[in-house]
Amino acid sequence: MPLHTDRLTLRGPDPAAAETINSAIRDSFAELTPWLPWADHLPSVDETREHLTRARDAFRAGEDLGLFVWNTTSDEFIGAVGLHARLADSSRREIGYWIRTSAAGRGYATEAVQAVAQAALKHMSLSGVEIHVNARNLPSRKVAESGGFVRAGEVAGRPDPDGRPSRVLVFALEAPRRR
């Protein structure tokens, strides 16, 4: 079941879209690699298809909710947003996202993050959702702040590509109190 916003359609993983998604990764690789651990090499189309197959299977099993972001009007691939169960507190999820370079700066990431956060907090028994952002990734910090998330803390992150230690800022959006 896709999620819809005014401009976007968020759909589950589809291996048939591997060429389109791989092209966006290749076009955006220089901007992705400093921030995303999976962007450690340029994947082949076959690697992207294999990833999408595993992501689809995890999505169907309810283990991981990766969504792919498409422009509703043009059906252009915009990026990806996911709701991941990788936090110590099982009542919370982490939202991750990336937007292809050619679509950056138009508010798509914020729109997609807000849609996922609202749906997760409404339909899942979560206490909240979080976004973990490298402190040096200013555009991603802006997404969290513009999306209504509040800075909740800081943790040590994996070393930056240049070897420097990184700081990861934690932004949170809490579920409304249930009666």
Protein backbone atom coordinates (compact mmCIF):
# COMPACT_ATOMS: atom_id res chain seq x y z
CA MET A 1 0.00 0.00 0.00
CA PRO A 2 1.73 3.19 -1.10
CA LEU A 3 1.80 6.42 0.88
CA HIS A 4 0.84 9.60 -0.93
CA THR A 5 1.64 13.25 -0.29
CA ASP A 6 0.79 16.26 -2.41
CA ARG A 7 3.79 15.65 -4.69
CA LEU A 8 5.08 12.18 -3.90
CA THR A 9 4.18 8.51 -3.98
CA LEU A 10 6.13 6.27 -1.59
CA ARG A 11 6.13 2.64 -2.71
CA GLY A 12 7.68 -0.55 -1.44
CA PRO A 13 10.82 -2.02 -3.02
CA ASP A 14 10.46 -3.28 -6.59
CA PRO A 15 13.35 -5.15 -8.23
CA ALA A 16 11.97 -4.11 -11.63
CA ALA A 17 13.07 -0.54 -10.83
CA ALA A 18 16.73 -1.56 -10.39
CA GLU A 19 18.03 0.26 -13.47
CA THR A 20 16.29 3.51 -12.55
CA ILE A 21 17.40 3.39 -8.92
CA ASN A 22 20.94 2.34 -9.82
CA SER A 23 21.20 5.30 -12.22
CA ALA A 24 20.15 7.68 -9.42
CA ILE A 25 22.72 6.15 -7.04
CA ARG A 26 25.44 6.54 -9.67
CA ASP A 27 24.44 10.14 -10.41
CA SER A 28 24.36 10.97 -6.69
CA PHE A 29 27.24 8.84 -5.42
CA ALA A 30 29.59 11.73 -4.57
CA GLU A 31 26.91 13.24 -2.32
CA LEU A 32 25.86 9.90 -0.76
CA THR A 33 29.21 8.33 0.07
CA PRO A 34 30.26 10.69 2.90
CA TRP A 35 27.09 9.97 4.87
CA LEU A 36 25.71 6.52 4.10
CA PRO A 37 27.53 3.33 5.04
CA TRP A 38 26.00 1.40 2.14
CA ALA A 39 27.47 3.89 -0.36
CA ASP A 40 30.97 2.42 -0.08
CA HIS A 41 31.13 1.43 -3.77
CA LEU A 42 29.18 2.01 -6.97
CA PRO A 43 26.80 -0.92 -7.23
CA SER A 44 26.09 -2.71 -10.47
CA VAL A 45 22.50 -2.94 -11.68
CA ASP A 46 22.52 -6.60 -10.60
CA GLU A 47 23.65 -5.61 -7.06
CA THR A 48 20.86 -3.03 -6.92
CA ARG A 49 18.33 -5.62 -8.11
CA GLU A 50 19.55 -8.09 -5.45
CA HIS A 51 19.28 -5.38 -2.77
CA LEU A 52 15.75 -4.53 -3.90
CA THR A 53 14.77 -8.21 -3.80
CA ARG A 54 16.06 -8.55 -0.21
CA ALA A 55 14.40 -5.24 0.73
CA ARG A 56 11.10 -6.37 -0.79
CA ASP A 57 11.25 -9.62 1.16
CA ALA A 58 12.04 -7.78 4.42
CA PHE A 59 9.23 -5.31 3.67
CA ARG A 60 6.71 -8.12 3.09
CA ALA A 61 7.83 -9.82 6.32
CA GLY A 62 7.45 -6.55 8.25
CA GLU A 63 11.13 -6.66 9.25
CA ASP A 64 12.15 -3.42 7.56
CA LEU A 65 10.06 -0.79 5.82
CA GLY A 66 12.06 0.67 2.96
CA LEU A 67 10.05 2.91 0.64
CA PHE A 68 11.04 4.41 -2.67
CA VAL A 69 10.02 7.95 -3.46
CA TRP A 70 8.52 8.84 -6.84
CA ASN A 71 7.16 12.10 -8.22
CA THR A 72 3.40 11.59 -8.42
CA THR A 73 3.00 13.63 -11.61
CA SER A 74 6.04 12.56 -13.67
CA ASP A 75 6.79 9.18 -12.01
CA GLU A 76 10.44 10.30 -11.78
CA PHE A 77 12.45 8.46 -9.13
CA ILE A 78 13.33 10.90 -6.32
CA GLY A 79 15.01 8.82 -3.60
CA ALA A 80 14.30 6.52 -0.69
CA VAL A 81 13.03 6.71 2.87
CA GLY A 82 12.88 3.90 5.38
CA LEU A 83 11.54 3.04 8.79
CA HIS A 84 14.14 0.81 10.42
CA ALA A 85 14.05 -1.32 13.58
CA ARG A 86 17.70 -0.75 14.50
CA LEU A 87 17.36 1.05 17.82
CA ALA A 88 17.85 -0.56 21.23
CA ASP A 89 14.32 0.48 22.26
CA SER A 90 11.91 -1.75 20.30
CA SER A 91 9.11 0.81 20.74
CA ARG A 92 11.01 3.25 18.50
CA ARG A 93 12.14 3.24 14.88
CA GLU A 94 14.80 5.14 12.99
CA ILE A 95 13.96 6.96 9.77
CA GLY A 96 16.66 7.11 7.12
CA TYR A 97 16.50 8.81 3.74
CA TRP A 98 18.38 9.94 0.66
CA ILE A 99 17.36 12.06 -2.29
CA ARG A 100 18.99 11.92 -5.71
CA THR A 101 21.19 14.95 -6.34
CA SER A 102 19.12 16.26 -9.25
CA ALA A 103 16.04 16.46 -6.96
CA ALA A 104 17.76 17.86 -3.86
CA GLY A 105 16.77 21.16 -2.30
CA ARG A 106 13.07 20.98 -3.20
CA GLY A 107 11.71 19.73 0.12
CA TYR A 108 11.14 16.17 -1.06
CA ALA A 109 13.06 14.58 1.82
CA THR A 110 11.13 16.56 4.42
CA GLU A 111 7.82 15.69 2.74
CA ALA A 112 8.68 11.97 2.60
CA VAL A 113 10.00 11.88 6.19
CA GLN A 114 6.87 13.59 7.50
CA ALA A 115 4.62 11.12 5.65
CA VAL A 116 6.49 8.11 7.03
CA ALA A 117 6.65 9.52 10.56
CA GLN A 118 2.93 10.37 10.62
CA ALA A 119 1.93 6.96 9.26
CA ALA A 120 4.24 5.12 11.68
CA LEU A 121 3.02 6.99 14.73
CA LYS A 122 -0.63 6.61 13.71
CA HIS A 123 -0.63 2.94 12.67
CA MET A 124 2.10 1.32 14.76
CA SER A 125 2.37 1.09 18.53
CA LEU A 126 5.54 3.20 18.65
CA SER A 127 6.59 5.62 21.35
CA GLY A 128 8.46 7.69 18.78
CA VAL A 129 10.64 7.87 15.70
CA GLU A 130 14.20 9.14 15.42
CA ILE A 131 16.54 10.49 12.78
CA HIS A 132 20.29 10.05 13.32
CA VAL A 133 22.35 12.60 11.39
CA ASN A 134 26.08 13.19 11.05
CA ALA A 135 26.58 16.64 12.60
CA ARG A 136 28.41 17.81 9.46
CA ASN A 137 25.52 16.83 7.16
CA LEU A 138 23.74 20.17 7.19
CA PRO A 139 21.07 19.36 4.57
CA SER A 140 20.02 16.24 6.48
CA ARG A 141 19.91 18.17 9.75
CA LYS A 142 17.60 20.67 8.04
CA VAL A 143 15.27 17.82 6.98
CA ALA A 144 14.95 16.65 10.59
CA GLU A 145 14.36 20.15 11.92
CA SER A 146 11.92 21.11 9.12
CA GLY A 147 10.09 17.83 9.64
CA GLY A 148 9.21 18.75 13.22
CA PHE A 149 11.80 16.57 14.92
CA VAL A 150 13.48 17.91 18.07
CA ARG A 151 17.15 17.42 18.85
CA ALA A 152 17.25 14.82 21.63
CA GLY A 153 20.92 14.00 22.01
CA GLU A 154 24.22 13.08 20.46
CA VAL A 155 26.15 9.84 20.04
CA ALA A 156 29.50 8.87 18.58
CA GLY A 157 29.29 7.75 14.98
CA ARG A 158 31.40 5.76 12.58
CA PRO A 159 34.50 7.63 11.42
CA ASP A 160 33.96 10.06 8.58
CA PRO A 161 35.48 9.06 5.21
CA ASP A 162 38.46 11.29 5.98
CA GLY A 163 39.08 9.29 9.18
CA ARG A 164 37.91 11.98 11.59
CA PRO A 165 35.64 10.90 14.42
CA SER A 166 32.06 11.87 13.78
CA ARG A 167 29.27 13.13 15.96
CA VAL A 168 25.78 11.88 15.27
CA LEU A 169 22.89 14.10 16.29
CA VAL A 170 19.70 12.34 17.35
CA PHE A 171 16.41 14.04 16.46
CA ALA A 172 13.15 12.65 17.82
CA LEU A 173 9.44 12.92 17.17
CA GLU A 174 7.37 11.49 20.00
CA ALA A 175 4.03 9.76 19.61
CA PRO A 176 1.05 11.62 20.99
CA ARG A 177 -0.03 10.34 24.39
CA ARG A 178 -2.65 7.64 23.96
CA ARG A 179 -5.68 7.66 26.22
